[in-house]
Amino acid sequence: MPPLKKVVLMISSVVAVLLLLAVESGATLSASFALGPTINNVGGIDINYPKAIATDAVRGKLYISDAKNNRVLRYDDYTTLTPSSSPTMVWGQPNFSSGNAPNISSPSNLKHPIGLCIDDNGDLWVADSGFNRVVKYASPADEKPSAYGSIADVVLGGTGIMDTPFGLSCAQGSLWVADQLSSR
């Protein structure tokens, strides 16, 4: 029998992130458990409308954009996650129990984060669609677990420059942005 490997699948319409076991030969997948199974819960460790996931394979971290809670969550060592695993860091909110949508953008908050990617340096890029920008958090995997993460090191775009950035890709030193409502 081929070895099993862990695959992460994000399903936004179901408000959960399923961790699956997959047989490398391509057999049918079945969920081993879900993170964030509480539906439409604001704040706390539950996930509300996950839109993207990113993994840092070098450091073993899993990042989830929790769009309706206006934050990004980090889970340590994605190879050992269980249904009771809790995130260890949060960006975009002052703590794990907040989920409020801010009215004014700042380097410390997020509003409806949708896309995520990890670049070659281990930096986290977030498509912050509610504020029409893309933000970068330098080496977030190296930050010690705390109530909340650091402020953004780089802010790109903004109203009038981007309009609802949606998807991100980090590849070979480049950042690619799908700017949805600007049709580019």
C-alpha atoms as a PDB file:
ATOM      1  CA  MET A   1       0.000   0.000   0.000  1.00  0.00           C
ATOM      2  CA  PRO A   2       1.353   3.472  -0.867  1.00  0.00           C
ATOM      3  CA  PRO A   3       2.237   5.688   2.106  1.00  0.00           C
ATOM      4  CA  LEU A   4      -0.319   8.150   3.440  1.00  0.00           C
ATOM      5  CA  LYS A   5       0.409  11.835   3.396  1.00  0.00           C
ATOM      6  CA  LYS A   6      -1.389  14.732   5.012  1.00  0.00           C
ATOM      7  CA  VAL A   7      -3.138  17.130   2.635  1.00  0.00           C
ATOM      8  CA  VAL A   8      -4.790  20.380   3.703  1.00  0.00           C
ATOM      9  CA  LEU A   9      -8.035  21.354   1.999  1.00  0.00           C
ATOM     10  CA  MET A  10      -9.811  24.640   2.598  1.00  0.00           C
ATOM     11  CA  ILE A  11     -13.555  24.784   2.002  1.00  0.00           C
ATOM     12  CA  SER A  12     -14.831  28.353   2.326  1.00  0.00           C
ATOM     13  CA  SER A  13     -18.554  27.660   2.000  1.00  0.00           C
ATOM     14  CA  VAL A  14     -18.472  25.222   4.914  1.00  0.00           C
ATOM     15  CA  VAL A  15     -16.539  27.427   7.360  1.00  0.00           C
ATOM     16  CA  ALA A  16     -13.948  24.802   8.160  1.00  0.00           C
ATOM     17  CA  VAL A  17     -10.516  23.671   7.165  1.00  0.00           C
ATOM     18  CA  LEU A  18     -10.385  19.941   6.670  1.00  0.00           C
ATOM     19  CA  LEU A  19      -7.224  17.955   7.119  1.00  0.00           C
ATOM     20  CA  LEU A  20      -7.261  14.972   4.844  1.00  0.00           C
ATOM     21  CA  LEU A  21      -5.321  11.787   4.538  1.00  0.00           C
ATOM     22  CA  ALA A  22      -4.533  10.966   0.945  1.00  0.00           C
ATOM     23  CA  VAL A  23      -3.103   7.841  -0.569  1.00  0.00           C
ATOM     24  CA  GLU A  24      -0.387   8.867  -3.030  1.00  0.00           C
ATOM     25  CA  SER A  25      -1.824   6.582  -5.691  1.00  0.00           C
ATOM     26  CA  GLY A  26      -4.790   8.960  -6.014  1.00  0.00           C
ATOM     27  CA  ALA A  27      -7.408   7.016  -4.067  1.00  0.00           C
ATOM     28  CA  THR A  28     -10.510   8.729  -2.713  1.00  0.00           C
ATOM     29  CA  LEU A  29      -9.816  11.271   0.027  1.00  0.00           C
ATOM     30  CA  SER A  30     -11.579  11.247   3.357  1.00  0.00           C
ATOM     31  CA  ALA A  31     -11.418  13.899   6.057  1.00  0.00           C
ATOM     32  CA  SER A  32      -9.570  12.957   9.205  1.00  0.00           C
ATOM     33  CA  PHE A  33     -10.823  16.040  11.088  1.00  0.00           C
ATOM     34  CA  ALA A  34     -11.683  19.734  10.708  1.00  0.00           C
ATOM     35  CA  LEU A  35     -10.329  22.913  12.274  1.00  0.00           C
ATOM     36  CA  GLY A  36     -12.836  25.632  13.097  1.00  0.00           C
ATOM     37  CA  PRO A  37     -16.047  23.630  12.884  1.00  0.00           C
ATOM     38  CA  THR A  38     -18.279  26.171  14.643  1.00  0.00           C
ATOM     39  CA  ILE A  39     -20.421  27.940  12.045  1.00  0.00           C
ATOM     40  CA  ASN A  40     -20.332  31.768  11.852  1.00  0.00           C
ATOM     41  CA  ASN A  41     -18.697  32.339  15.207  1.00  0.00           C
ATOM     42  CA  VAL A  42     -17.081  35.772  15.538  1.00  0.00           C
ATOM     43  CA  GLY A  43     -13.782  35.816  17.359  1.00  0.00           C
ATOM     44  CA  GLY A  44     -12.313  33.074  19.495  1.00  0.00           C
ATOM     45  CA  ILE A  45     -10.361  30.264  17.908  1.00  0.00           C
ATOM     46  CA  ASP A  46     -13.171  29.282  15.549  1.00  0.00           C
ATOM     47  CA  ILE A  47     -12.766  30.088  11.888  1.00  0.00           C
ATOM     48  CA  ASN A  48     -15.415  32.130  10.084  1.00  0.00           C
ATOM     49  CA  TYR A  49     -15.225  32.084   6.265  1.00  0.00           C
ATOM     50  CA  PRO A  50     -11.722  30.763   5.572  1.00  0.00           C
ATOM     51  CA  LYS A  51     -10.588  32.002   2.164  1.00  0.00           C
ATOM     52  CA  ALA A  52      -6.968  30.852   1.803  1.00  0.00           C
ATOM     53  CA  ILE A  53      -4.302  28.708   3.363  1.00  0.00           C
ATOM     54  CA  ALA A  54      -0.541  28.863   3.105  1.00  0.00           C
ATOM     55  CA  THR A  55       2.073  26.536   4.500  1.00  0.00           C
ATOM     56  CA  ASP A  56       5.662  27.231   5.371  1.00  0.00           C
ATOM     57  CA  ALA A  57       7.123  23.773   4.755  1.00  0.00           C
ATOM     58  CA  VAL A  58      10.564  24.805   6.019  1.00  0.00           C
ATOM     59  CA  ARG A  59       9.247  25.855   9.439  1.00  0.00           C
ATOM     60  CA  GLY A  60       6.127  23.635   9.557  1.00  0.00           C
ATOM     61  CA  LYS A  61       3.616  26.479  10.014  1.00  0.00           C
ATOM     62  CA  LEU A  62       0.069  26.657   8.636  1.00  0.00           C
ATOM     63  CA  TYR A  63      -1.607  30.038   7.981  1.00  0.00           C
ATOM     64  CA  ILE A  64      -5.355  30.504   7.438  1.00  0.00           C
ATOM     65  CA  SER A  65      -7.072  33.698   6.296  1.00  0.00           C
ATOM     66  CA  ASP A  66     -10.138  33.990   8.536  1.00  0.00           C
ATOM     67  CA  ALA A  67     -11.977  36.526   6.368  1.00  0.00           C
ATOM     68  CA  LYS A  68     -15.094  37.318   8.413  1.00  0.00           C
ATOM     69  CA  ASN A  69     -13.049  37.581  11.602  1.00  0.00           C
ATOM     70  CA  ASN A  70     -10.718  40.012   9.766  1.00  0.00           C
ATOM     71  CA  ARG A  71      -7.567  38.153  10.701  1.00  0.00           C
ATOM     72  CA  VAL A  72      -4.930  35.591   9.757  1.00  0.00           C
ATOM     73  CA  LEU A  73      -4.220  32.701  12.111  1.00  0.00           C
ATOM     74  CA  ARG A  74      -1.015  30.688  12.472  1.00  0.00           C
ATOM     75  CA  TYR A  75      -0.890  27.078  13.632  1.00  0.00           C
ATOM     76  CA  ASP A  76       2.455  25.610  14.683  1.00  0.00           C
ATOM     77  CA  ASP A  77       3.688  22.276  13.303  1.00  0.00           C
ATOM     78  CA  TYR A  78       0.951  21.412  10.825  1.00  0.00           C
ATOM     79  CA  THR A  79       2.068  17.771  10.814  1.00  0.00           C
ATOM     80  CA  THR A  80       0.727  17.274  14.343  1.00  0.00           C
ATOM     81  CA  LEU A  81      -2.567  19.227  14.203  1.00  0.00           C
ATOM     82  CA  THR A  82      -5.599  17.692  15.898  1.00  0.00           C
ATOM     83  CA  PRO A  83      -9.257  18.801  16.139  1.00  0.00           C
ATOM     84  CA  SER A  84      -8.414  20.522  19.432  1.00  0.00           C
ATOM     85  CA  SER A  85      -5.412  22.445  18.048  1.00  0.00           C
ATOM     86  CA  SER A  86      -5.498  26.171  18.700  1.00  0.00           C
ATOM     87  CA  PRO A  87      -3.788  28.903  16.710  1.00  0.00           C
ATOM     88  CA  THR A  88      -0.658  30.367  18.273  1.00  0.00           C
ATOM     89  CA  MET A  89      -0.599  33.774  16.539  1.00  0.00           C
ATOM     90  CA  VAL A  90      -3.124  36.189  15.085  1.00  0.00           C
ATOM     91  CA  TRP A  91      -2.617  39.149  12.735  1.00  0.00           C
ATOM     92  CA  GLY A  92      -5.244  41.825  12.084  1.00  0.00           C
ATOM     93  CA  GLN A  93      -6.921  41.722  15.501  1.00  0.00           C
ATOM     94  CA  PRO A  94      -5.634  42.711  18.959  1.00  0.00           C
ATOM     95  CA  ASN A  95      -6.338  39.219  20.368  1.00  0.00           C
ATOM     96  CA  PHE A  96      -7.949  35.853  19.581  1.00  0.00           C
ATOM     97  CA  SER A  97     -11.409  36.872  20.814  1.00  0.00           C
ATOM     98  CA  SER A  98     -11.843  39.917  18.532  1.00  0.00           C
ATOM     99  CA  GLY A  99     -13.227  39.773  15.018  1.00  0.00           C
ATOM    100  CA  ASN A 100     -14.360  43.346  14.414  1.00  0.00           C
ATOM    101  CA  ALA A 101     -14.041  44.929  10.976  1.00  0.00           C
ATOM    102  CA  PRO A 102     -12.007  48.122  11.347  1.00  0.00           C
ATOM    103  CA  ASN A 103     -13.134  51.337   9.617  1.00  0.00           C
ATOM    104  CA  ILE A 104      -9.678  52.842   9.055  1.00  0.00           C
ATOM    105  CA  SER A 105      -6.696  50.919   7.710  1.00  0.00           C
ATOM    106  CA  SER A 106      -3.439  50.732   9.630  1.00  0.00           C
ATOM    107  CA  PRO A 107      -0.411  48.429   9.502  1.00  0.00           C
ATOM    108  CA  SER A 108      -1.805  46.557  12.523  1.00  0.00           C
ATOM    109  CA  ASN A 109      -5.252  45.608  11.217  1.00  0.00           C
ATOM    110  CA  LEU A 110      -6.869  43.648   8.387  1.00  0.00           C
ATOM    111  CA  LYS A 111     -10.298  43.823   6.792  1.00  0.00           C
ATOM    112  CA  HIS A 112     -11.509  40.721   4.971  1.00  0.00           C
ATOM    113  CA  PRO A 113      -8.141  39.083   4.203  1.00  0.00           C
ATOM    114  CA  ILE A 114      -8.548  36.722   1.268  1.00  0.00           C
ATOM    115  CA  GLY A 115      -5.255  35.602  -0.315  1.00  0.00           C
ATOM    116  CA  LEU A 116      -2.083  34.318   1.333  1.00  0.00           C
ATOM    117  CA  CYS A 117       1.360  33.219   0.246  1.00  0.00           C
ATOM    118  CA  ILE A 118       4.762  32.581   1.806  1.00  0.00           C
ATOM    119  CA  ASP A 119       7.742  33.892  -0.177  1.00  0.00           C
ATOM    120  CA  ASP A 120      11.216  32.376  -0.461  1.00  0.00           C
ATOM    121  CA  ASN A 121      12.361  34.307   2.647  1.00  0.00           C
ATOM    122  CA  GLY A 122       9.517  32.922   4.792  1.00  0.00           C
ATOM    123  CA  ASP A 123       7.623  36.242   4.740  1.00  0.00           C
ATOM    124  CA  LEU A 124       3.813  36.125   4.842  1.00  0.00           C
ATOM    125  CA  TRP A 125       1.928  38.161   2.206  1.00  0.00           C
ATOM    126  CA  VAL A 126      -1.784  38.866   2.725  1.00  0.00           C
ATOM    127  CA  ALA A 127      -4.327  40.150   0.178  1.00  0.00           C
ATOM    128  CA  ASP A 128      -6.287  42.498   2.445  1.00  0.00           C
ATOM    129  CA  SER A 129      -9.288  42.948   0.153  1.00  0.00           C
ATOM    130  CA  GLY A 130     -11.349  45.171   2.461  1.00  0.00           C
ATOM    131  CA  PHE A 131      -8.632  47.835   2.422  1.00  0.00           C
ATOM    132  CA  ASN A 132      -7.626  47.254  -1.243  1.00  0.00           C
ATOM    133  CA  ARG A 133      -4.034  46.434  -0.377  1.00  0.00           C
ATOM    134  CA  VAL A 134      -1.450  43.699   0.034  1.00  0.00           C
ATOM    135  CA  VAL A 135       0.579  43.581   3.243  1.00  0.00           C
ATOM    136  CA  LYS A 136       3.759  41.734   4.218  1.00  0.00           C
ATOM    137  CA  TYR A 137       4.696  40.362   7.621  1.00  0.00           C
ATOM    138  CA  ALA A 138       8.436  39.615   7.771  1.00  0.00           C
ATOM    139  CA  SER A 139       9.326  36.105   8.962  1.00  0.00           C
ATOM    140  CA  PRO A 140       6.123  35.499  10.968  1.00  0.00           C
ATOM    141  CA  ALA A 141       7.068  31.872  11.617  1.00  0.00           C
ATOM    142  CA  ASP A 142       9.957  33.074  13.780  1.00  0.00           C
ATOM    143  CA  GLU A 143       7.725  35.133  16.072  1.00  0.00           C
ATOM    144  CA  LYS A 144       7.131  33.699  19.488  1.00  0.00           C
ATOM    145  CA  PRO A 145       3.540  32.686  20.267  1.00  0.00           C
ATOM    146  CA  SER A 146       1.667  35.600  21.793  1.00  0.00           C
ATOM    147  CA  ALA A 147      -1.783  37.115  21.898  1.00  0.00           C
ATOM    148  CA  TYR A 148      -1.301  38.872  18.568  1.00  0.00           C
ATOM    149  CA  GLY A 149       1.233  39.281  15.787  1.00  0.00           C
ATOM    150  CA  SER A 150       3.291  42.194  14.651  1.00  0.00           C
ATOM    151  CA  ILE A 151       2.308  45.057  12.397  1.00  0.00           C
ATOM    152  CA  ALA A 152       2.846  44.847   8.641  1.00  0.00           C
ATOM    153  CA  ASP A 153       6.373  45.600   7.434  1.00  0.00           C
ATOM    154  CA  VAL A 154       5.258  46.513   3.905  1.00  0.00           C
ATOM    155  CA  VAL A 155       1.909  47.860   2.636  1.00  0.00           C
ATOM    156  CA  LEU A 156       1.270  47.867  -1.138  1.00  0.00           C
ATOM    157  CA  GLY A 157      -1.692  49.448  -2.919  1.00  0.00           C
ATOM    158  CA  GLY A 158      -4.653  51.014  -1.204  1.00  0.00           C
ATOM    159  CA  THR A 159      -7.862  52.602  -2.439  1.00  0.00           C
ATOM    160  CA  GLY A 160      -7.414  54.021  -5.934  1.00  0.00           C
ATOM    161  CA  ILE A 161      -4.432  51.741  -6.616  1.00  0.00           C
ATOM    162  CA  MET A 162      -5.959  48.288  -6.063  1.00  0.00           C
ATOM    163  CA  ASP A 163      -9.594  47.226  -5.934  1.00  0.00           C
ATOM    164  CA  THR A 164     -10.210  44.014  -3.986  1.00  0.00           C
ATOM    165  CA  PRO A 165      -6.952  42.095  -4.355  1.00  0.00           C
ATOM    166  CA  PHE A 166      -7.949  38.469  -4.224  1.00  0.00           C
ATOM    167  CA  GLY A 167      -5.314  35.879  -5.057  1.00  0.00           C
ATOM    168  CA  LEU A 168      -1.590  35.878  -4.347  1.00  0.00           C
ATOM    169  CA  SER A 169       1.284  33.759  -5.527  1.00  0.00           C
ATOM    170  CA  CYS A 170       4.889  33.911  -4.365  1.00  0.00           C
ATOM    171  CA  ALA A 171       7.292  32.280  -6.810  1.00  0.00           C
ATOM    172  CA  GLN A 172      11.019  32.602  -7.441  1.00  0.00           C
ATOM    173  CA  GLY A 173      11.381  35.976  -5.744  1.00  0.00           C
ATOM    174  CA  SER A 174       8.250  37.503  -7.298  1.00  0.00           C
ATOM    175  CA  LEU A 175       4.867  38.402  -5.831  1.00  0.00           C
ATOM    176  CA  TRP A 176       1.879  38.018  -8.163  1.00  0.00           C
ATOM    177  CA  VAL A 177      -1.425  39.711  -7.254  1.00  0.00           C
ATOM    178  CA  ALA A 178      -4.868  39.100  -8.788  1.00  0.00           C
ATOM    179  CA  ASP A 179      -6.563  42.503  -8.421  1.00  0.00           C
ATOM    180  CA  GLN A 180     -10.151  41.319  -8.857  1.00  0.00           C
ATOM    181  CA  LEU A 181     -12.266  44.427  -9.428  1.00  0.00           C
ATOM    182  CA  SER A 182      -9.501  46.199 -11.361  1.00  0.00           C
ATOM    183  CA  SER A 183      -9.645  43.226 -13.787  1.00  0.00           C
ATOM    184  CA  ARG A 184      -5.888  42.726 -13.705  1.00  0.00           C
END
